[in-house]
PDB file of all heavy atoms in Angstrom:
ATOM      1  N   ASP A   1     107.678 117.484 109.117  1.00  0.00           N
ATOM      2  CA  ASP A   1     108.538 116.370 108.726  1.00  0.00           C
ATOM      3  C   ASP A   1     107.827 115.026 108.832  1.00  0.00           C
ATOM      4  O   ASP A   1     108.431 113.976 108.582  1.00  0.00           O
ATOM      5  CB  ASP A   1     109.791 116.336 109.615  1.00  0.00           C
ATOM      6  CG  ASP A   1     110.661 117.569 109.408  1.00  0.00           C
ATOM      7  OD1 ASP A   1     110.602 118.134 108.293  1.00  0.00           O
ATOM      8  OD2 ASP A   1     111.366 117.957 110.353  1.00  0.00           O
ATOM      9  N   GLU A   2     106.547 115.031 109.209  1.00  0.00           N
ATOM     10  CA  GLU A   2     105.840 113.768 109.374  1.00  0.00           C
ATOM     11  C   GLU A   2     105.780 113.000 108.053  1.00  0.00           C
ATOM     12  O   GLU A   2     105.572 113.587 106.988  1.00  0.00           O
ATOM     13  CB  GLU A   2     104.397 113.991 109.862  1.00  0.00           C
ATOM     14  CG  GLU A   2     104.317 114.642 111.242  1.00  0.00           C
ATOM     15  CD  GLU A   2     104.044 116.130 111.138  1.00  0.00           C
ATOM     16  OE1 GLU A   2     104.458 116.745 110.130  1.00  0.00           O
ATOM     17  OE2 GLU A   2     103.398 116.654 112.047  1.00  0.00           O
ATOM     18  N   GLN A   3     105.977 111.708 108.152  1.00  0.00           N
ATOM     19  CA  GLN A   3     105.903 110.851 106.984  1.00  0.00           C
ATOM     20  C   GLN A   3     104.546 110.150 106.947  1.00  0.00           C
ATOM     21  O   GLN A   3     104.141 109.510 107.921  1.00  0.00           O
ATOM     22  CB  GLN A   3     107.016 109.789 107.019  1.00  0.00           C
ATOM     23  CG  GLN A   3     108.431 110.342 106.908  1.00  0.00           C
ATOM     24  CD  GLN A   3     108.686 110.977 105.558  1.00  0.00           C
ATOM     25  OE1 GLN A   3     108.313 110.425 104.528  1.00  0.00           O
ATOM     26  NE2 GLN A   3     109.333 112.142 105.560  1.00  0.00           N
ATOM     27  N   LEU A   4     103.839 110.324 105.849  1.00  0.00           N
ATOM     28  CA  LEU A   4     102.574 109.611 105.696  1.00  0.00           C
ATOM     29  C   LEU A   4     102.854 108.123 105.506  1.00  0.00           C
ATOM     30  O   LEU A   4     103.691 107.742 104.686  1.00  0.00           O
ATOM     31  CB  LEU A   4     101.808 110.142 104.486  1.00  0.00           C
ATOM     32  CG  LEU A   4     101.285 111.584 104.600  1.00  0.00           C
ATOM     33  CD1 LEU A   4     100.712 112.030 103.270  1.00  0.00           C
ATOM     34  CD2 LEU A   4     100.232 111.686 105.698  1.00  0.00           C
ATOM     35  N   GLN A   5     102.144 107.312 106.257  1.00  0.00           N
ATOM     36  CA  GLN A   5     102.324 105.867 106.155  1.00  0.00           C
ATOM     37  C   GLN A   5     101.207 105.293 105.270  1.00  0.00           C
ATOM     38  O   GLN A   5     100.075 105.116 105.716  1.00  0.00           O
ATOM     39  CB  GLN A   5     102.306 105.223 107.545  1.00  0.00           C
ATOM     40  CG  GLN A   5     103.478 105.654 108.421  1.00  0.00           C
ATOM     41  CD  GLN A   5     103.501 104.925 109.755  1.00  0.00           C
ATOM     42  OE1 GLN A   5     102.921 103.854 109.899  1.00  0.00           O
ATOM     43  NE2 GLN A   5     104.164 105.516 110.741  1.00  0.00           N
ATOM     44  N   ILE A   6     101.564 105.042 104.006  1.00  0.00           N
ATOM     45  CA  ILE A   6     100.603 104.542 103.031  1.00  0.00           C
ATOM     46  C   ILE A   6     101.136 103.216 102.476  1.00  0.00           C
ATOM     47  O   ILE A   6     102.317 103.112 102.138  1.00  0.00           O
ATOM     48  CB  ILE A   6     100.399 105.551 101.892  1.00  0.00           C
ATOM     49  CG1 ILE A   6      99.909 106.887 102.450  1.00  0.00           C
ATOM     50  CG2 ILE A   6      99.393 105.014 100.873  1.00  0.00           C
ATOM     51  CD1 ILE A   6      99.887 108.006 101.420  1.00  0.00           C
ATOM     52  N   GLN A   7     100.260 102.254 102.391  1.00  0.00           N
ATOM     53  CA  GLN A   7     100.662 100.941 101.903  1.00  0.00           C
ATOM     54  C   GLN A   7      99.509 100.329 101.106  1.00  0.00           C
ATOM     55  O   GLN A   7      98.377 100.796 101.177  1.00  0.00           O
ATOM     56  CB  GLN A   7     101.016 100.017 103.073  1.00  0.00           C
ATOM     57  CG  GLN A   7      99.860  99.832 104.053  1.00  0.00           C
ATOM     58  CD  GLN A   7     100.307  99.395 105.434  1.00  0.00           C
ATOM     59  OE1 GLN A   7     101.435  99.675 105.848  1.00  0.00           O
ATOM     60  NE2 GLN A   7      99.436  98.704 106.142  1.00  0.00           N
ATOM     61  N   LYS A   8      99.829  99.303 100.328  1.00  0.00           N
ATOM     62  CA  LYS A   8      98.765  98.607  99.612  1.00  0.00           C
ATOM     63  C   LYS A   8      97.873  97.876 100.621  1.00  0.00           C
ATOM     64  O   LYS A   8      98.368  97.303 101.587  1.00  0.00           O
ATOM     65  CB  LYS A   8      99.346  97.615  98.604  1.00  0.00           C
ATOM     66  CG  LYS A   8      99.985  98.296  97.402  1.00  0.00           C
ATOM     67  CD  LYS A   8     100.428  97.292  96.354  1.00  0.00           C
ATOM     68  CE  LYS A   8     100.992  98.006  95.133  1.00  0.00           C
ATOM     69  NZ  LYS A   8     101.444  97.045  94.094  1.00  0.00           N
ATOM     70  N   THR A   9      96.585  97.928 100.382  1.00  0.00           N
ATOM     71  CA  THR A   9      95.632  97.303 101.300  1.00  0.00           C
ATOM     72  C   THR A   9      95.829  95.789 101.317  1.00  0.00           C
ATOM     73  O   THR A   9      96.005  95.167 100.261  1.00  0.00           O
ATOM     74  CB  THR A   9      94.189  97.622 100.873  1.00  0.00           C
ATOM     75  OG1 THR A   9      94.033  99.035 100.814  1.00  0.00           O
ATOM     76  CG2 THR A   9      93.183  97.038 101.851  1.00  0.00           C
ATOM     77  N   ARG A  10      95.807  95.224 102.500  1.00  0.00           N
ATOM     78  CA  ARG A  10      95.957  93.776 102.624  1.00  0.00           C
ATOM     79  C   ARG A  10      94.793  93.064 101.947  1.00  0.00           C
ATOM     80  O   ARG A  10      93.669  93.568 101.891  1.00  0.00           O
ATOM     81  CB  ARG A  10      96.038  93.390 104.105  1.00  0.00           C
ATOM     82  CG  ARG A  10      97.349  93.838 104.761  1.00  0.00           C
ATOM     83  CD  ARG A  10      97.300  93.776 106.274  1.00  0.00           C
ATOM     84  NE  ARG A  10      96.964  92.433 106.758  1.00  0.00           N
ATOM     85  CZ  ARG A  10      96.896  92.118 108.056  1.00  0.00           C
ATOM     86  NH1 ARG A  10      97.116  93.061 108.979  1.00  0.00           N
ATOM     87  NH2 ARG A  10      96.597  90.893 108.416  1.00  0.00           N
ATOM     88  N   LYS A  11      95.059  91.864 101.439  1.00  0.00           N
ATOM     89  CA  LYS A  11      94.093  91.152 100.609  1.00  0.00           C
ATOM     90  C   LYS A  11      92.784  90.849 101.330  1.00  0.00           C
ATOM     91  O   LYS A  11      91.735  90.755 100.698  1.00  0.00           O
ATOM     92  CB  LYS A  11      94.713  89.850 100.099  1.00  0.00           C
ATOM     93  CG  LYS A  11      95.839  90.067  99.104  1.00  0.00           C
ATOM     94  CD  LYS A  11      96.410  88.753  98.604  1.00  0.00           C
ATOM     95  CE  LYS A  11      97.534  88.988  97.600  1.00  0.00           C
ATOM     96  NZ  LYS A  11      98.112  87.708  97.120  1.00  0.00           N
ATOM     97  N   GLU A  12      92.850  90.684 102.646  1.00  0.00           N
ATOM     98  CA  GLU A  12      91.625  90.317 103.368  1.00  0.00           C
ATOM     99  C   GLU A  12      90.688  91.497 103.598  1.00  0.00           C
ATOM    100  O   GLU A  12      89.575  91.326 104.111  1.00  0.00           O
ATOM    101  CB  GLU A  12      91.966  89.653 104.710  1.00  0.00           C
ATOM    102  CG  GLU A  12      92.792  90.503 105.658  1.00  0.00           C
ATOM    103  CD  GLU A  12      94.285  90.239 105.557  1.00  0.00           C
ATOM    104  OE1 GLU A  12      94.758  89.976 104.422  1.00  0.00           O
ATOM    105  OE2 GLU A  12      94.962  90.281 106.593  1.00  0.00           O
ATOM    106  N   PHE A  13      91.125  92.707 103.221  1.00  0.00           N
ATOM    107  CA  PHE A  13      90.277  93.888 103.398  1.00  0.00           C
ATOM    108  C   PHE A  13      89.933  94.508 102.050  1.00  0.00           C
ATOM    109  O   PHE A  13      90.670  94.357 101.075  1.00  0.00           O
ATOM    110  CB  PHE A  13      90.975  94.928 104.277  1.00  0.00           C
ATOM    111  CG  PHE A  13      91.311  94.425 105.656  1.00  0.00           C
ATOM    112  CD1 PHE A  13      92.631  94.308 106.062  1.00  0.00           C
ATOM    113  CD2 PHE A  13      90.309  94.054 106.539  1.00  0.00           C
ATOM    114  CE1 PHE A  13      92.949  93.833 107.324  1.00  0.00           C
ATOM    115  CE2 PHE A  13      90.623  93.574 107.803  1.00  0.00           C
ATOM    116  CZ  PHE A  13      91.941  93.467 108.201  1.00  0.00           C
ATOM    117  N   GLU A  14      88.827  95.216 102.005  1.00  0.00           N
ATOM    118  CA  GLU A  14      88.413  95.896 100.788  1.00  0.00           C
ATOM    119  C   GLU A  14      89.176  97.211 100.650  1.00  0.00           C
ATOM    120  O   GLU A  14      89.315  97.969 101.605  1.00  0.00           O
ATOM    121  CB  GLU A  14      86.905  96.175 100.827  1.00  0.00           C
ATOM    122  CG  GLU A  14      86.376  96.820  99.557  1.00  0.00           C
ATOM    123  CD  GLU A  14      84.882  97.078  99.603  1.00  0.00           C
ATOM    124  OE1 GLU A  14      84.246  96.647 100.596  1.00  0.00           O
ATOM    125  OE2 GLU A  14      84.357  97.719  98.679  1.00  0.00           O
ATOM    126  N   GLY A  15      89.676  97.476  99.454  1.00  0.00           N
ATOM    127  CA  GLY A  15      90.406  98.712  99.209  1.00  0.00           C
ATOM    128  C   GLY A  15      91.633  98.479  98.364  1.00  0.00           C
ATOM    129  O   GLY A  15      92.043  97.337  98.113  1.00  0.00           O
ATOM    130  N   ASP A  16      92.235  99.582  97.913  1.00  0.00           N
ATOM    131  CA  ASP A  16      93.446  99.506  97.091  1.00  0.00           C
ATOM    132  C   ASP A  16      94.684  99.971  97.864  1.00  0.00           C
ATOM    133  O   ASP A  16      95.750  99.362  97.768  1.00  0.00           O
ATOM    134  CB  ASP A  16      93.271 100.357  95.832  1.00  0.00           C
ATOM    135  CG  ASP A  16      92.136  99.848  94.953  1.00  0.00           C
ATOM    136  OD1 ASP A  16      92.150  98.655  94.590  1.00  0.00           O
ATOM    137  OD2 ASP A  16      91.223 100.631  94.638  1.00  0.00           O
ATOM    138  N   TYR A  17      94.507 101.089  98.609  1.00  0.00           N
ATOM    139  CA  TYR A  17      95.620 101.629  99.397  1.00  0.00           C
ATOM    140  C   TYR A  17      95.107 101.985 100.795  1.00  0.00           C
ATOM    141  O   TYR A  17      93.943 102.365 100.971  1.00  0.00           O
ATOM    142  CB  TYR A  17      96.234 102.851  98.723  1.00  0.00           C
ATOM    143  CG  TYR A  17      97.043 102.487  97.498  1.00  0.00           C
ATOM    144  CD1 TYR A  17      96.441 102.401  96.250  1.00  0.00           C
ATOM    145  CD2 TYR A  17      98.404 102.198  97.600  1.00  0.00           C
ATOM    146  CE1 TYR A  17      97.167 102.035  95.128  1.00  0.00           C
ATOM    147  CE2 TYR A  17      99.133 101.838  96.482  1.00  0.00           C
ATOM    148  CZ  TYR A  17      98.511 101.751  95.254  1.00  0.00           C
ATOM    149  OH  TYR A  17      99.233 101.380  94.156  1.00  0.00           O
ATOM    150  N   THR A  18      96.010 101.866 101.773  1.00  0.00           N
ATOM    151  CA  THR A  18      95.640 102.078 103.172  1.00  0.00           C
ATOM    152  C   THR A  18      96.519 103.155 103.793  1.00  0.00           C
ATOM    153  O   THR A  18      97.754 103.114 103.668  1.00  0.00           O
ATOM    154  CB  THR A  18      95.790 100.773 103.974  1.00  0.00           C
ATOM    155  OG1 THR A  18      94.888  99.803 103.436  1.00  0.00           O
ATOM    156  CG2 THR A  18      95.481 100.992 105.447  1.00  0.00           C
ATOM    157  N   LEU A  19      95.865 104.106 104.466  1.00  0.00           N
ATOM    158  CA  LEU A  19      96.568 105.135 105.237  1.00  0.00           C
ATOM    159  C   LEU A  19      96.522 104.765 106.704  1.00  0.00           C
ATOM    160  O   LEU A  19      95.451 104.504 107.265  1.00  0.00           O
ATOM    161  CB  LEU A  19      95.910 106.500 105.030  1.00  0.00           C
ATOM    162  CG  LEU A  19      96.398 107.627 105.956  1.00  0.00           C
ATOM    163  CD1 LEU A  19      97.853 107.985 105.655  1.00  0.00           C
ATOM    164  CD2 LEU A  19      95.494 108.846 105.835  1.00  0.00           C
ATOM    165  N   VAL A  20      97.695 104.742 107.336  1.00  0.00           N
ATOM    166  CA  VAL A  20      97.769 104.504 108.779  1.00  0.00           C
ATOM    167  C   VAL A  20      97.637 105.861 109.470  1.00  0.00           C
ATOM    168  O   VAL A  20      98.475 106.750 109.267  1.00  0.00           O
ATOM    169  CB  VAL A  20      99.104 103.832 109.155  1.00  0.00           C
ATOM    170  CG1 VAL A  20      99.156 103.563 110.660  1.00  0.00           C
ATOM    171  CG2 VAL A  20      99.293 102.530 108.369  1.00  0.00           C
ATOM    172  N   THR A  21      96.589 106.020 110.271  1.00  0.00           N
ATOM    173  CA  THR A  21      96.281 107.358 110.809  1.00  0.00           C
ATOM    174  C   THR A  21      96.920 107.655 112.164  1.00  0.00           C
ATOM    175  O   THR A  21      96.900 108.803 112.602  1.00  0.00           O
ATOM    176  CB  THR A  21      94.758 107.536 110.945  1.00  0.00           C
ATOM    177  OG1 THR A  21      94.257 106.580 111.890  1.00  0.00           O
ATOM    178  CG2 THR A  21      94.065 107.360 109.612  1.00  0.00           C
ATOM    179  N   PHE A  22      97.475 106.681 112.825  1.00  0.00           N
ATOM    180  CA  PHE A  22      97.994 106.905 114.184  1.00  0.00           C
ATOM    181  C   PHE A  22      99.005 108.059 114.270  1.00  0.00           C
ATOM    182  O   PHE A  22      98.955 108.852 115.223  1.00  0.00           O
ATOM    183  CB  PHE A  22      98.612 105.609 114.731  1.00  0.00           C
ATOM    184  CG  PHE A  22      97.623 104.484 114.863  1.00  0.00           C
ATOM    185  CD1 PHE A  22      97.597 103.442 113.949  1.00  0.00           C
ATOM    186  CD2 PHE A  22      96.690 104.489 115.901  1.00  0.00           C
ATOM    187  CE1 PHE A  22      96.669 102.419 114.059  1.00  0.00           C
ATOM    188  CE2 PHE A  22      95.757 103.466 116.019  1.00  0.00           C
ATOM    189  CZ  PHE A  22      95.739 102.431 115.095  1.00  0.00           C
ATOM    190  N   PRO A  23      99.923 108.205 113.284  1.00  0.00           N
ATOM    191  CA  PRO A  23     100.860 109.332 113.381  1.00  0.00           C
ATOM    192  C   PRO A  23     100.193 110.700 113.239  1.00  0.00           C
ATOM    193  O   PRO A  23     100.830 111.725 113.523  1.00  0.00           O
ATOM    194  CB  PRO A  23     101.826 109.074 112.208  1.00  0.00           C
ATOM    195  CG  PRO A  23     101.701 107.622 111.892  1.00  0.00           C
ATOM    196  CD  PRO A  23     100.269 107.298 112.161  1.00  0.00           C
ATOM    197  N   LEU A  24      98.922 110.743 112.812  1.00  0.00           N
ATOM    198  CA  LEU A  24      98.232 112.014 112.580  1.00  0.00           C
ATOM    199  C   LEU A  24      97.354 112.437 113.758  1.00  0.00           C
ATOM    200  O   LEU A  24      96.745 113.515 113.720  1.00  0.00           O
ATOM    201  CB  LEU A  24      97.357 111.912 111.319  1.00  0.00           C
ATOM    202  CG  LEU A  24      98.100 111.556 110.020  1.00  0.00           C
ATOM    203  CD1 LEU A  24      97.099 111.333 108.899  1.00  0.00           C
ATOM    204  CD2 LEU A  24      99.085 112.661 109.653  1.00  0.00           C
ATOM    205  N   LEU A  25      97.264 111.617 114.809  1.00  0.00           N
ATOM    206  CA  LEU A  25      96.329 111.897 115.906  1.00  0.00           C
ATOM    207  C   LEU A  25      96.711 113.158 116.667  1.00  0.00           C
ATOM    208  O   LEU A  25      95.841 113.875 117.197  1.00  0.00           O
ATOM    209  CB  LEU A  25      96.273 110.700 116.860  1.00  0.00           C
ATOM    210  CG  LEU A  25      95.847 109.355 116.227  1.00  0.00           C
ATOM    211  CD1 LEU A  25      95.725 108.278 117.287  1.00  0.00           C
ATOM    212  CD2 LEU A  25      94.541 109.500 115.452  1.00  0.00           C
ATOM    213  N   ARG A  26      98.012 113.443 116.712  1.00  0.00           N
ATOM    214  CA  ARG A  26      98.458 114.658 117.410  1.00  0.00           C
ATOM    215  C   ARG A  26      97.883 115.896 116.747  1.00  0.00           C
ATOM    216  O   ARG A  26      97.609 116.898 117.398  1.00  0.00           O
ATOM    217  CB  ARG A  26     100.000 114.694 117.398  1.00  0.00           C
ATOM    218  CG  ARG A  26     100.603 115.898 118.109  1.00  0.00           C
ATOM    219  CD  ARG A  26     102.122 115.746 118.208  1.00  0.00           C
ATOM    220  NE  ARG A  26     102.723 115.627 116.891  1.00  0.00           N
ATOM    221  CZ  ARG A  26     103.078 116.669 116.140  1.00  0.00           C
ATOM    222  NH1 ARG A  26     102.830 117.896 116.571  1.00  0.00           N
ATOM    223  NH2 ARG A  26     103.660 116.488 114.971  1.00  0.00           N
ATOM    224  N   ARG A  27      97.675 115.840 115.429  1.00  0.00           N
ATOM    225  CA  ARG A  27      97.128 116.976 114.700  1.00  0.00           C
ATOM    226  C   ARG A  27      95.598 116.978 114.710  1.00  0.00           C
ATOM    227  O   ARG A  27      94.968 118.022 114.844  1.00  0.00           O
ATOM    228  CB  ARG A  27      97.635 116.966 113.257  1.00  0.00           C
ATOM    229  CG  ARG A  27      99.129 117.309 113.146  1.00  0.00           C
ATOM    230  CD  ARG A  27      99.570 117.235 111.690  1.00  0.00           C
ATOM    231  NE  ARG A  27     100.913 117.801 111.526  1.00  0.00           N
ATOM    232  CZ  ARG A  27     101.167 119.095 111.350  1.00  0.00           C
ATOM    233  NH1 ARG A  27     100.174 119.957 111.330  1.00  0.00           N
ATOM    234  NH2 ARG A  27     102.408 119.531 111.223  1.00  0.00           N
ATOM    235  N   SER A  28      95.001 115.802 114.530  1.00  0.00           N
ATOM    236  CA  SER A  28      93.534 115.756 114.451  1.00  0.00           C
ATOM    237  C   SER A  28      92.863 115.910 115.810  1.00  0.00           C
ATOM    238  O   SER A  28      91.720 116.377 115.896  1.00  0.00           O
ATOM    239  CB  SER A  28      93.097 114.429 113.829  1.00  0.00           C
ATOM    240  OG  SER A  28      93.344 113.348 114.720  1.00  0.00           O
ATOM    241  N   ARG A  29      93.561 115.494 116.891  1.00  0.00           N
ATOM    242  CA  ARG A  29      93.030 115.509 118.254  1.00  0.00           C
ATOM    243  C   ARG A  29      91.724 114.721 118.339  1.00  0.00           C
ATOM    244  O   ARG A  29      90.789 115.073 119.058  1.00  0.00           O
ATOM    245  CB  ARG A  29      92.821 116.944 118.743  1.00  0.00           C
ATOM    246  CG  ARG A  29      94.102 117.773 118.743  1.00  0.00           C
ATOM    247  CD  ARG A  29      93.888 119.145 119.322  1.00  0.00           C
ATOM    248  NE  ARG A  29      95.101 119.935 119.263  1.00  0.00           N
ATOM    249  CZ  ARG A  29      96.091 119.852 120.156  1.00  0.00           C
ATOM    250  NH1 ARG A  29      95.996 119.010 121.168  1.00  0.00           N
ATOM    251  NH2 ARG A  29      97.168 120.634 120.039  1.00  0.00           N
TER     252      ARG A  29
END
Protein backbone atom coordinates (compact mmCIF):
# COMPACT_ATOMS: atom_id res chain seq x y z
CA ASP A 1 0.00 0.00 0.00
CA GLU A 2 3.03 2.30 0.01
CA GLN A 3 2.56 5.48 -1.97
CA LEU A 4 5.46 6.62 -4.11
CA GLN A 5 6.23 10.25 -3.42
CA ILE A 6 7.06 11.81 -6.79
CA GLN A 7 7.05 15.51 -7.51
CA LYS A 8 8.40 17.96 -10.05
CA THR A 9 12.02 18.82 -9.32
CA ARG A 10 12.48 22.18 -7.64
CA LYS A 11 13.92 24.88 -9.89
CA GLU A 12 17.18 25.19 -7.97
CA PHE A 13 18.09 21.55 -8.69
CA GLU A 14 18.85 19.74 -11.92
CA GLY A 15 16.18 17.29 -13.05
CA ASP A 16 12.58 16.98 -14.18
CA TYR A 17 10.99 14.76 -11.51
CA THR A 18 12.07 13.87 -7.98
CA LEU A 19 11.48 10.66 -6.01
CA VAL A 20 11.48 10.95 -2.23
CA THR A 21 13.20 7.77 -1.03
CA PHE A 22 12.65 7.94 2.73
CA PRO A 23 9.43 5.85 2.65
CA LEU A 24 11.39 3.09 0.83
CA LEU A 25 14.21 2.67 3.39
CA ARG A 26 12.36 -0.08 5.22
CA ARG A 27 12.55 -2.15 2.03
CA SER A 28 16.01 -1.18 0.79
CA ARG A 29 17.66 -1.42 4.25
